[in-house]
Protein backbone atom coordinates (compact mmCIF):
# COMPACT_ATOMS: atom_id res chain seq x y z
CA MET A 1 0.08 11.93 19.91
CA ARG A 2 -3.10 12.43 21.82
CA GLU A 3 -5.52 9.52 22.05
CA GLU A 4 -8.22 11.18 19.95
CA VAL A 5 -5.69 11.72 17.17
CA ARG A 6 -4.37 8.15 17.34
CA SER A 7 -7.87 6.70 17.26
CA SER A 8 -9.09 8.83 14.35
CA ALA A 9 -10.17 7.11 11.15
CA GLU A 10 -7.56 8.96 9.08
CA ILE A 11 -4.65 7.81 11.24
CA LYS A 12 -5.94 4.23 11.27
CA PHE A 13 -6.24 4.33 7.48
CA ALA A 14 -2.70 5.70 7.12
CA LEU A 15 -1.30 3.01 9.42
CA SER A 16 -3.16 0.29 7.49
CA ALA A 17 -1.81 1.57 4.18
CA TYR A 18 1.70 1.76 5.62
CA ALA A 19 1.46 -1.77 7.01
CA ALA A 20 0.24 -3.15 3.68
CA LEU A 21 3.05 -1.38 1.83
CA ASN A 22 5.65 -2.46 4.37
CA ASP A 23 4.44 -6.09 4.29
CA ARG A 24 4.41 -6.03 0.48
CA ASN A 25 0.73 -6.92 0.55
CA TYR A 26 -0.10 -5.14 -2.67
CA VAL A 27 -3.61 -6.52 -3.01
CA LYS A 28 -4.53 -5.12 0.41
CA PHE A 29 -2.85 -1.81 -0.45
CA PHE A 30 -4.90 -1.32 -3.61
CA LYS A 31 -8.09 -2.38 -1.82
CA LEU A 32 -7.38 0.29 0.77
CA VAL A 33 -6.84 2.83 -2.00
CA ALA A 34 -10.22 1.91 -3.46
CA GLN A 35 -11.92 2.20 -0.06
CA GLY A 36 -10.34 5.49 0.91
CA THR A 37 -11.35 9.00 0.07
CA PHE A 38 -10.29 10.71 -3.14
CA MET A 39 -7.66 12.71 -1.23
CA CYS A 40 -6.19 9.55 0.31
CA ALA A 41 -6.02 7.92 -3.11
CA CYS A 42 -4.22 10.98 -4.47
CA ILE A 43 -1.67 10.83 -1.66
CA LEU A 44 -1.13 7.09 -2.07
CA HIS A 45 -0.77 7.49 -5.84
CA ARG A 46 2.86 8.37 -5.14
CA TYR A 47 3.55 4.69 -4.34
CA PHE A 48 1.88 3.13 -7.40
CA ASN A 49 5.01 2.98 -9.59
CA GLN A 50 7.09 1.63 -6.72
CA ILE A 51 4.56 -1.13 -6.07
CA ARG A 52 4.25 -2.01 -9.75
CA PHE A 53 8.02 -2.23 -10.10
CA GLU A 54 8.38 -4.45 -7.03
CA THR A 55 5.51 -6.67 -8.18
CA LEU A 56 7.05 -7.13 -11.62
CA LYS A 57 10.35 -8.07 -9.98
CA VAL A 58 8.60 -10.75 -7.92
CA ILE A 59 6.68 -12.11 -10.92
CA THR A 60 9.84 -12.18 -13.05
CA ARG A 61 11.76 -13.98 -10.32
CA CYS A 62 8.97 -16.57 -9.90
CA TYR A 63 8.61 -17.41 -13.59
CA MET A 64 12.22 -17.13 -14.68
CA ALA A 65 13.84 -20.37 -15.76
CA PRO A 66 16.54 -21.56 -13.36
CA ASN A 67 20.11 -21.14 -14.55
């Protein structure tokens, strides 16, 4: 990609959202959703159920009694 495309705010936002999702940093992901434009939030809405499911798996694993 050209430098002006790579340094655009939209691409930086997309890379930040991807990094937060990839790192399983869900708090950062949802903060980015809140900071972004309405269109960005609509696009990222696709990942909400996936994130909620993964978060519930982590919480369940943390609080489950050992066998």
